[in-house]
Amino acid sequence: MLEAGGRVQSIEKAVRILEILAEAGTPMPLREIARRTELPKSTLHGIISTLRETGLVEQSAEDGCYGLGLHLFELGCAASGSRNITAISRPFLQSLANRAGETAFLAALDGTDALLLEVTEAPNPLRVALALGTRLPLHCTAQGKVFLAWNENIMRQVCRSELVAYTPHTHTSPEQIQADVAATRERGYAIEDGEHRIGLRAIAAPIADADGRVRYAIGVVGMFRRVQSEEFSTAAHLTVEAARAIAASLQRRP
C-alpha cells in the first residue's frame, strides 16, 4: 500500500523484520517476530515468504526459525565495494579528465544497465555534462560495451533483447553486438562513436576487482572529431592506464 509521500508500507514492514533479525543476532521463531513487529500473522507470513524467496531471509530446516540470508551479505559487500571504488577512483578520474581534456566517468554494471557512480569534468568550456546516478544502455555506450565484453551472460541476455536505436549509428542486431564485443576484447577498451548521442564519442576500459570480475569501467566522453584522431588515441591510452592503476589499487586492499 502506498501512503502519502510515496512511502510503501509493505517495504517498511519488511525492513523492520530485517532489523529485528539483525538486532537479535540469532534465528527466531515466527511467533517471536510477530510479537516484536505487532503484525498480523497472515501479513507477516506473506512478507517473510517473499524475503525467504529472494534470499534475504533463511529458514532453518531443523526448527523452522528465521534468520538473515546470505543475499544480504552479498548486497552489503556490493554496497561497500561501490563506496570503495568511488573513493579509490577519484584522483585517477581527476587526472584523466585533466590530461584528456574531456569529462571522465566511472560506471558500474547494475543488472542490464551501466550506472554512473562518479563524474569529473575537465576545465573545458565545451565539456560534456553527465549526471551521477544516470542509467545507460549497454549496447551503445562505451561503458556498456565493456560490461558486455567481459560478462558473457549479460551479453547473451542483451543479444536476446529488443534493442533501441538511439541514433542512426546504433548497433541493434546480435551480429553487430557480437562484433563490437570481439573488437572491444581485442583492443582492451570499448569505443562509442555517436551511437547513443549524435556528435559524442567515448572510450571506456575495464576495471577488474580482486576476484578478476569486471564490474566497473572508467572512461572519457567528449566531442572528439573522429575516433581515428590523435586526441582520441591519446585519450584511449590514458583511459587504459587509469583502469589498470585503479584495478591494482583494488587488488592491494585487504
Protein backbone atom coordinates (compact mmCIF):
# COMPACT_ATOMS: atom_id res chain seq x y z
CA MET A 1 0.00 0.00 0.00
CA LEU A 2 1.33 3.43 -1.00
CA GLU A 3 0.98 6.20 1.57
CA ALA A 4 1.18 9.97 1.06
CA GLY A 5 4.74 10.98 0.34
CA GLY A 6 5.46 7.83 -1.66
CA ARG A 7 6.08 5.51 1.31
CA VAL A 8 5.33 1.83 0.72
CA GLN A 9 4.05 0.14 3.88
CA SER A 10 4.99 -3.41 2.89
CA ILE A 11 8.60 -2.37 2.27
CA GLU A 12 8.77 -0.58 5.62
CA LYS A 13 7.45 -3.73 7.32
CA ALA A 14 9.99 -5.91 5.51
CA VAL A 15 12.84 -3.61 6.55
CA ARG A 16 11.60 -3.70 10.15
CA ILE A 17 11.67 -7.52 10.09
CA LEU A 18 15.25 -7.49 8.80
CA GLU A 19 16.24 -5.01 11.50
CA ILE A 20 14.70 -7.18 14.23
CA LEU A 21 16.54 -10.26 12.97
CA ALA A 22 19.78 -8.27 12.80
CA GLU A 23 19.33 -6.96 16.35
CA ALA A 24 18.57 -10.44 17.68
CA GLY A 25 21.75 -11.90 16.21
CA THR A 26 20.20 -15.36 16.18
CA PRO A 27 17.33 -17.03 14.28
CA MET A 28 13.90 -16.58 15.84
CA PRO A 29 10.52 -18.30 15.51
CA LEU A 30 7.68 -16.67 13.62
CA ARG A 31 5.67 -16.07 16.82
CA GLU A 32 8.51 -14.01 18.31
CA ILE A 33 8.88 -11.94 15.14
CA ALA A 34 5.10 -11.39 15.21
CA ARG A 35 5.28 -10.25 18.83
CA ARG A 36 8.07 -7.75 18.15
CA THR A 37 6.60 -6.36 14.95
CA GLU A 38 2.98 -6.50 16.15
CA LEU A 39 1.98 -7.57 12.65
CA PRO A 40 -0.93 -9.94 11.96
CA LYS A 41 0.39 -13.43 11.32
CA SER A 42 -1.13 -13.50 7.81
CA THR A 43 0.67 -10.28 6.85
CA LEU A 44 3.90 -11.38 8.49
CA HIS A 45 3.82 -14.77 6.78
CA GLY A 46 3.41 -13.17 3.34
CA ILE A 47 6.34 -10.78 3.85
CA ILE A 48 8.57 -13.46 5.38
CA SER A 49 7.81 -15.80 2.47
CA THR A 50 8.85 -13.13 -0.03
CA LEU A 51 12.03 -12.35 1.91
CA ARG A 52 12.86 -16.06 2.01
CA GLU A 53 12.30 -16.48 -1.75
CA THR A 54 14.66 -13.59 -2.50
CA GLY A 55 17.37 -14.93 -0.21
CA LEU A 56 17.17 -12.04 2.25
CA VAL A 57 15.88 -14.36 4.98
CA GLU A 58 16.63 -18.04 5.57
CA GLN A 59 14.53 -20.60 7.43
CA SER A 60 16.13 -23.38 9.42
CA ALA A 61 15.12 -26.86 8.29
CA GLU A 62 15.54 -28.11 11.87
CA ASP A 63 13.35 -25.81 13.94
CA GLY A 64 11.69 -23.50 11.38
CA CYS A 65 13.29 -20.36 12.84
CA TYR A 66 14.12 -17.40 10.61
CA GLY A 67 17.45 -15.60 10.27
CA LEU A 68 19.18 -13.22 7.89
CA GLY A 69 20.03 -14.69 4.49
CA LEU A 70 23.35 -14.73 2.67
CA HIS A 71 21.97 -12.50 -0.08
CA LEU A 72 22.04 -9.63 2.42
CA PHE A 73 25.76 -10.24 2.86
CA GLU A 74 26.24 -10.14 -0.91
CA LEU A 75 24.33 -6.87 -1.16
CA GLY A 76 26.33 -5.40 1.70
CA CYS A 77 29.59 -6.34 0.03
CA ALA A 78 28.42 -4.79 -3.22
CA ALA A 79 27.44 -1.54 -1.48
CA SER A 80 30.75 -1.43 0.37
CA GLY A 81 32.62 -2.12 -2.84
CA SER A 82 30.85 0.73 -4.62
CA ARG A 83 31.89 3.17 -1.90
CA ASN A 84 35.47 1.91 -2.02
CA ILE A 85 35.69 2.11 -5.80
CA THR A 86 34.49 5.71 -5.90
CA ALA A 87 36.97 6.81 -3.23
CA ILE A 88 39.84 4.98 -4.91
CA SER A 89 38.94 6.25 -8.37
CA ARG A 90 38.53 9.98 -7.67
CA PRO A 91 42.18 11.01 -8.06
CA PHE A 92 42.50 8.89 -11.20
CA LEU A 93 39.33 10.40 -12.64
CA GLN A 94 40.61 13.90 -11.95
CA SER A 95 43.93 13.14 -13.61
CA LEU A 96 42.22 11.52 -16.58
CA ALA A 97 39.85 14.46 -17.08
CA ASN A 98 42.69 16.96 -16.89
CA ARG A 99 45.05 15.06 -19.18
CA ALA A 100 42.44 14.05 -21.75
CA GLY A 101 40.68 17.41 -21.57
CA GLU A 102 37.27 15.75 -21.51
CA THR A 103 34.70 14.56 -18.97
CA ALA A 104 35.80 11.40 -17.15
CA PHE A 105 33.39 8.90 -15.65
CA LEU A 106 33.25 5.79 -13.50
CA ALA A 107 30.43 3.33 -14.14
CA ALA A 108 29.22 0.11 -12.53
CA LEU A 109 27.32 -2.80 -14.01
CA ASP A 110 23.85 -2.88 -12.46
CA GLY A 111 21.59 -5.52 -13.93
CA THR A 112 21.44 -4.75 -17.64
CA ASP A 113 22.37 -1.09 -17.22
CA ALA A 114 25.55 0.87 -16.77
CA LEU A 115 25.19 3.11 -13.71
CA LEU A 116 27.28 6.29 -13.42
CA LEU A 117 28.94 6.30 -9.98
CA GLU A 118 31.30 9.25 -10.38
CA VAL A 119 31.86 12.05 -12.90
CA THR A 120 34.72 14.54 -13.18
CA GLU A 121 34.52 17.38 -15.66
CA ALA A 122 37.59 18.86 -17.31
CA PRO A 123 38.20 22.64 -17.42
CA ASN A 124 36.87 22.72 -20.95
CA PRO A 125 34.09 25.18 -21.91
CA LEU A 126 32.69 22.61 -24.38
CA ARG A 127 32.77 19.68 -21.97
CA VAL A 128 30.03 17.07 -21.85
CA ALA A 129 27.84 17.12 -18.74
CA LEU A 130 26.89 13.79 -17.16
CA ALA A 131 24.62 13.31 -14.15
CA LEU A 132 25.52 10.95 -11.30
CA GLY A 133 23.13 8.04 -11.00
CA THR A 134 22.26 8.05 -14.70
CA ARG A 135 21.50 4.64 -16.12
CA LEU A 136 22.81 3.96 -19.60
CA PRO A 137 22.14 1.15 -22.07
CA LEU A 138 24.83 -1.45 -22.58
CA HIS A 139 24.67 -1.96 -26.33
CA CYS A 140 25.50 1.56 -27.47
CA THR A 141 27.72 3.18 -24.82
CA ALA A 142 31.43 2.71 -24.21
CA GLN A 143 30.99 1.70 -20.58
CA GLY A 144 28.15 -0.63 -21.56
CA LYS A 145 30.25 -2.36 -24.21
CA VAL A 146 32.93 -3.01 -21.59
CA PHE A 147 30.42 -4.88 -19.45
CA LEU A 148 29.17 -6.87 -22.44
CA ALA A 149 32.71 -7.80 -23.45
CA TRP A 150 33.68 -9.15 -20.03
CA ASN A 151 30.34 -10.57 -18.88
CA GLU A 152 29.21 -13.29 -21.27
CA ASN A 153 25.89 -13.97 -19.56
CA ILE A 154 24.89 -10.32 -19.76
CA MET A 155 26.00 -10.19 -23.40
CA ARG A 156 23.77 -13.15 -24.29
CA GLN A 157 20.86 -11.60 -22.42
CA VAL A 158 21.24 -8.29 -24.26
CA CYS A 159 21.52 -10.03 -27.63
CA ARG A 160 18.14 -11.67 -26.97
CA SER A 161 16.52 -8.31 -26.16
CA GLU A 162 14.83 -5.83 -28.46
CA LEU A 163 17.38 -3.00 -28.54
CA VAL A 164 16.64 0.68 -29.03
CA ALA A 165 18.31 2.58 -31.89
CA TYR A 166 19.16 5.92 -30.26
CA THR A 167 20.88 7.28 -33.39
CA PRO A 168 21.36 6.09 -36.99
CA HIS A 169 24.73 4.67 -35.82
CA THR A 170 23.34 2.44 -33.06
CA HIS A 171 24.05 -1.25 -33.43
CA THR A 172 20.98 -3.33 -32.57
CA SER A 173 21.44 -6.77 -34.16
CA PRO A 174 23.07 -9.68 -32.30
CA GLU A 175 25.70 -9.91 -35.03
CA GLN A 176 26.67 -6.25 -34.57
CA ILE A 177 26.77 -6.58 -30.79
CA GLN A 178 28.95 -9.68 -31.00
CA ALA A 179 31.31 -7.90 -33.41
CA ASP A 180 31.56 -4.94 -31.00
CA VAL A 181 32.30 -7.33 -28.14
CA ALA A 182 35.04 -9.10 -30.10
CA ALA A 183 36.65 -5.79 -31.11
CA THR A 184 36.48 -4.48 -27.54
CA ARG A 185 38.18 -7.56 -26.13
CA GLU A 186 40.88 -7.46 -28.79
CA ARG A 187 41.84 -3.82 -28.25
CA GLY A 188 41.29 -3.88 -24.49
CA TYR A 189 38.86 -0.95 -24.40
CA ALA A 190 35.48 0.00 -25.85
CA ILE A 191 34.63 2.74 -28.33
CA GLU A 192 31.37 4.63 -28.66
CA ASP A 193 31.08 6.53 -31.94
CA GLY A 194 27.90 8.61 -31.90
CA GLU A 195 25.81 5.53 -31.10
CA HIS A 196 23.99 6.88 -28.05
CA ARG A 197 24.09 10.62 -28.76
CA ILE A 198 24.94 12.20 -32.07
CA GLY A 199 28.25 14.06 -32.04
CA LEU A 200 29.63 12.41 -28.91
CA ARG A 201 32.41 9.84 -28.81
CA ALA A 202 33.69 7.94 -25.80
CA ILE A 203 36.24 5.43 -24.61
CA ALA A 204 35.91 3.07 -21.66
CA ALA A 205 38.25 0.46 -20.19
CA PRO A 206 37.50 -2.42 -17.81
CA ILE A 207 38.41 -2.38 -14.13
CA ALA A 208 38.87 -5.87 -12.71
CA ASP A 209 38.31 -6.34 -8.99
CA ALA A 210 40.32 -8.58 -6.67
CA ASP A 211 38.38 -11.61 -7.93
CA GLY A 212 39.06 -10.75 -11.56
CA ARG A 213 35.48 -9.74 -12.28
CA VAL A 214 34.78 -6.69 -14.42
CA ARG A 215 32.08 -4.80 -12.54
CA TYR A 216 33.39 -1.28 -13.17
CA ALA A 217 34.54 0.78 -16.11
CA ILE A 218 36.35 4.10 -16.40
CA GLY A 219 36.33 6.31 -19.44
CA VAL A 220 36.06 9.71 -21.08
CA VAL A 221 33.37 11.24 -23.27
CA GLY A 222 33.63 14.30 -25.45
CA MET A 223 33.07 15.90 -28.83
CA PHE A 224 36.10 14.31 -30.45
CA ARG A 225 36.39 14.99 -34.17
CA ARG A 226 36.65 11.30 -35.03
CA VAL A 227 37.78 8.08 -33.43
CA GLN A 228 40.83 7.92 -35.68
CA SER A 229 42.16 11.27 -34.40
CA GLU A 230 45.34 11.63 -32.37
CA GLU A 231 43.46 13.18 -29.45
CA PHE A 232 41.12 10.17 -29.32
CA SER A 233 44.02 7.72 -29.38
CA THR A 234 45.72 9.64 -26.58
CA ALA A 235 42.52 9.58 -24.52
CA ALA A 236 42.24 5.83 -25.07
CA HIS A 237 45.80 5.27 -23.84
CA LEU A 238 45.18 7.41 -20.76
CA THR A 239 41.92 5.58 -20.02
CA VAL A 240 43.52 2.13 -20.15
CA GLU A 241 46.35 3.40 -17.95
CA ALA A 242 43.87 4.72 -15.37
CA ALA A 243 41.85 1.49 -15.40
CA ARG A 244 44.94 -0.59 -14.70
CA ALA A 245 46.01 1.72 -11.88
CA ILE A 246 42.59 1.53 -10.22
CA ALA A 247 42.49 -2.26 -10.59
CA ALA A 248 45.91 -2.52 -8.96
CA SER A 249 44.70 -0.34 -6.07
CA LEU A 250 41.62 -2.52 -5.60
CA GLN A 251 43.69 -5.69 -5.52
CA ARG A 252 46.03 -4.27 -2.89
CA ARG A 253 43.17 -3.54 -0.48
CA PRO A 254 42.60 -6.10 2.29
